[in-house]
Amino acid sequence: MDDNILSLSGGNQQKALFARAFGSEAEIVLMDDPMRGVDVGTKQEIYEMIRAEAGKDRTFLWYTTEMDELKHCDHVYVFRNGRIVADLARDELSEEKVLHSSFEEAS
């Protein structure tokens, strides 16, 4: 990460990192809680940009703890203790399934 990025506020750091990701030619972009510190309006703009880039066959994988972000995903994997415990396509995705998978004990 550039020193210039480190001098930005948290939300602006996230915006700078998104700009870098969108400007790259990477087919797969990995992100760790990318919307942390980003205002609601900017989030909507970023979601639109991600959808547009996904339409160009780019893949965006990100870790999130924000349930609202899940509605923007085509596919969700729920992890618990380092393992995938749920594999949910958009049409089967619900907050209840995510929470249940996150906390239920393996049988």
C-alpha atoms as a PDB file:
ATOM      1  CA  MET A   1       0.000   0.000   0.000  1.00  0.00           C
ATOM      2  CA  ASP A   2       1.343   3.454  -0.854  1.00  0.00           C
ATOM      3  CA  ASP A   3       2.207   5.912   1.931  1.00  0.00           C
ATOM      4  CA  ASN A   4      -0.209   8.324   0.210  1.00  0.00           C
ATOM      5  CA  ILE A   5      -3.096   5.947   0.849  1.00  0.00           C
ATOM      6  CA  LEU A   6      -2.116   5.540   4.507  1.00  0.00           C
ATOM      7  CA  SER A   7      -2.490   9.287   5.050  1.00  0.00           C
ATOM      8  CA  LEU A   8      -6.167   9.220   4.003  1.00  0.00           C
ATOM      9  CA  SER A   9      -9.127   8.785   6.353  1.00  0.00           C
ATOM     10  CA  GLY A  10     -10.597   5.279   6.672  1.00  0.00           C
ATOM     11  CA  GLY A  11     -13.435   5.907   4.186  1.00  0.00           C
ATOM     12  CA  ASN A  12     -11.135   7.600   1.710  1.00  0.00           C
ATOM     13  CA  GLN A  13      -8.646   4.728   2.019  1.00  0.00           C
ATOM     14  CA  GLN A  14     -11.430   2.357   0.998  1.00  0.00           C
ATOM     15  CA  LYS A  15     -12.337   4.557  -1.980  1.00  0.00           C
ATOM     16  CA  ALA A  16      -8.682   4.702  -3.066  1.00  0.00           C
ATOM     17  CA  LEU A  17      -8.400   0.924  -2.830  1.00  0.00           C
ATOM     18  CA  PHE A  18     -11.553   0.492  -4.922  1.00  0.00           C
ATOM     19  CA  ALA A  19     -10.161   2.863  -7.534  1.00  0.00           C
ATOM     20  CA  ARG A  20      -6.981   0.800  -7.653  1.00  0.00           C
ATOM     21  CA  ALA A  21      -8.961  -2.451  -7.992  1.00  0.00           C
ATOM     22  CA  PHE A  22     -11.235  -1.077 -10.725  1.00  0.00           C
ATOM     23  CA  GLY A  23      -8.224   0.318 -12.572  1.00  0.00           C
ATOM     24  CA  SER A  24      -6.457  -3.027 -12.603  1.00  0.00           C
ATOM     25  CA  GLU A  25      -6.916  -5.744 -15.173  1.00  0.00           C
ATOM     26  CA  ALA A  26      -7.362  -8.466 -12.539  1.00  0.00           C
ATOM     27  CA  GLU A  27     -10.124 -10.911 -13.379  1.00  0.00           C
ATOM     28  CA  ILE A  28     -10.666 -11.700  -9.694  1.00  0.00           C
ATOM     29  CA  VAL A  29     -10.588  -9.005  -7.015  1.00  0.00           C
ATOM     30  CA  LEU A  30     -10.391 -10.046  -3.343  1.00  0.00           C
ATOM     31  CA  MET A  31     -11.552  -7.576  -0.700  1.00  0.00           C
ATOM     32  CA  ASP A  32     -11.666  -7.675   3.098  1.00  0.00           C
ATOM     33  CA  ASP A  33     -14.661  -5.797   4.531  1.00  0.00           C
ATOM     34  CA  PRO A  34     -14.427  -3.180   1.767  1.00  0.00           C
ATOM     35  CA  MET A  35     -17.388  -1.049   2.812  1.00  0.00           C
ATOM     36  CA  ARG A  36     -16.137  -0.350   6.341  1.00  0.00           C
ATOM     37  CA  GLY A  37     -16.152   3.421   6.839  1.00  0.00           C
ATOM     38  CA  VAL A  38     -17.767   4.168   3.471  1.00  0.00           C
ATOM     39  CA  ASP A  39     -20.860   6.403   3.467  1.00  0.00           C
ATOM     40  CA  VAL A  40     -24.207   5.063   2.204  1.00  0.00           C
ATOM     41  CA  GLY A  41     -24.219   7.078  -1.029  1.00  0.00           C
ATOM     42  CA  THR A  42     -20.732   5.949  -1.977  1.00  0.00           C
ATOM     43  CA  LYS A  43     -21.654   2.345  -1.180  1.00  0.00           C
ATOM     44  CA  GLN A  44     -24.484   2.508  -3.726  1.00  0.00           C
ATOM     45  CA  GLU A  45     -22.127   3.930  -6.360  1.00  0.00           C
ATOM     46  CA  ILE A  46     -19.593   1.194  -5.665  1.00  0.00           C
ATOM     47  CA  TYR A  47     -22.234  -1.548  -5.865  1.00  0.00           C
ATOM     48  CA  GLU A  48     -23.263  -0.219  -9.300  1.00  0.00           C
ATOM     49  CA  MET A  49     -19.628  -0.204 -10.412  1.00  0.00           C
ATOM     50  CA  ILE A  50     -19.131  -3.763  -9.166  1.00  0.00           C
ATOM     51  CA  ARG A  51     -22.245  -4.934 -11.045  1.00  0.00           C
ATOM     52  CA  ALA A  52     -20.983  -3.255 -14.226  1.00  0.00           C
ATOM     53  CA  GLU A  53     -17.546  -4.842 -13.859  1.00  0.00           C
ATOM     54  CA  ALA A  54     -19.097  -8.240 -13.059  1.00  0.00           C
ATOM     55  CA  GLY A  55     -21.015  -7.894 -16.330  1.00  0.00           C
ATOM     56  CA  LYS A  56     -17.598  -7.788 -18.007  1.00  0.00           C
ATOM     57  CA  ASP A  57     -16.746 -11.197 -16.510  1.00  0.00           C
ATOM     58  CA  ARG A  58     -14.800  -9.869 -13.515  1.00  0.00           C
ATOM     59  CA  THR A  59     -15.278 -11.595 -10.182  1.00  0.00           C
ATOM     60  CA  PHE A  60     -15.366  -9.764  -6.842  1.00  0.00           C
ATOM     61  CA  LEU A  61     -14.917 -11.833  -3.709  1.00  0.00           C
ATOM     62  CA  TRP A  62     -15.212 -10.135  -0.371  1.00  0.00           C
ATOM     63  CA  TYR A  63     -15.489 -10.834   3.291  1.00  0.00           C
ATOM     64  CA  THR A  64     -18.201  -8.881   5.074  1.00  0.00           C
ATOM     65  CA  THR A  65     -19.992  -8.747   8.381  1.00  0.00           C
ATOM     66  CA  GLU A  66     -22.677  -6.410   7.002  1.00  0.00           C
ATOM     67  CA  MET A  67     -25.905  -8.261   6.216  1.00  0.00           C
ATOM     68  CA  ASP A  68     -27.075  -5.455   3.892  1.00  0.00           C
ATOM     69  CA  GLU A  69     -24.204  -6.222   1.531  1.00  0.00           C
ATOM     70  CA  LEU A  70     -25.417  -9.753   0.914  1.00  0.00           C
ATOM     71  CA  LYS A  71     -28.310  -8.568  -1.260  1.00  0.00           C
ATOM     72  CA  HIS A  72     -25.700  -7.375  -3.768  1.00  0.00           C
ATOM     73  CA  CYS A  73     -24.067 -10.799  -4.046  1.00  0.00           C
ATOM     74  CA  ASP A  74     -24.753 -13.529  -6.572  1.00  0.00           C
ATOM     75  CA  HIS A  75     -23.376 -16.164  -4.238  1.00  0.00           C
ATOM     76  CA  VAL A  76     -22.558 -16.342  -0.515  1.00  0.00           C
ATOM     77  CA  TYR A  77     -20.350 -18.729   1.411  1.00  0.00           C
ATOM     78  CA  VAL A  78     -20.735 -18.748   5.192  1.00  0.00           C
ATOM     79  CA  PHE A  79     -17.622 -19.677   7.152  1.00  0.00           C
ATOM     80  CA  ARG A  80     -17.402 -20.906  10.725  1.00  0.00           C
ATOM     81  CA  ASN A  81     -14.198 -22.060  12.411  1.00  0.00           C
ATOM     82  CA  GLY A  82     -12.304 -21.816   9.119  1.00  0.00           C
ATOM     83  CA  ARG A  83     -14.730 -24.034   7.173  1.00  0.00           C
ATOM     84  CA  ILE A  84     -17.498 -23.354   4.669  1.00  0.00           C
ATOM     85  CA  VAL A  85     -20.719 -24.273   6.461  1.00  0.00           C
ATOM     86  CA  ALA A  86     -23.197 -22.897   3.907  1.00  0.00           C
ATOM     87  CA  ASP A  87     -23.080 -22.392   0.146  1.00  0.00           C
ATOM     88  CA  LEU A  88     -26.005 -20.142  -0.825  1.00  0.00           C
ATOM     89  CA  ALA A  89     -26.988 -18.921  -4.290  1.00  0.00           C
ATOM     90  CA  ARG A  90     -28.811 -15.597  -4.515  1.00  0.00           C
ATOM     91  CA  ASP A  91     -32.251 -17.209  -4.859  1.00  0.00           C
ATOM     92  CA  GLU A  92     -31.815 -19.184  -1.620  1.00  0.00           C
ATOM     93  CA  LEU A  93     -30.129 -16.421   0.349  1.00  0.00           C
ATOM     94  CA  SER A  94     -31.783 -15.089   3.494  1.00  0.00           C
ATOM     95  CA  GLU A  95     -30.575 -13.450   6.672  1.00  0.00           C
ATOM     96  CA  GLU A  96     -32.091 -16.344   8.621  1.00  0.00           C
ATOM     97  CA  LYS A  97     -30.066 -18.937   6.670  1.00  0.00           C
ATOM     98  CA  VAL A  98     -26.849 -16.966   7.063  1.00  0.00           C
ATOM     99  CA  LEU A  99     -27.321 -16.485  10.806  1.00  0.00           C
ATOM    100  CA  HIS A 100     -28.413 -20.082  11.344  1.00  0.00           C
ATOM    101  CA  SER A 101     -25.382 -21.369   9.435  1.00  0.00           C
ATOM    102  CA  SER A 102     -23.078 -19.001  11.305  1.00  0.00           C
ATOM    103  CA  PHE A 103     -24.047 -20.257  14.743  1.00  0.00           C
ATOM    104  CA  GLU A 104     -25.472 -23.783  14.512  1.00  0.00           C
ATOM    105  CA  GLU A 105     -23.275 -26.607  15.744  1.00  0.00           C
ATOM    106  CA  ALA A 106     -22.258 -29.244  13.218  1.00  0.00           C
ATOM    107  CA  SER A 107     -24.312 -32.379  13.617  1.00  0.00           C
END
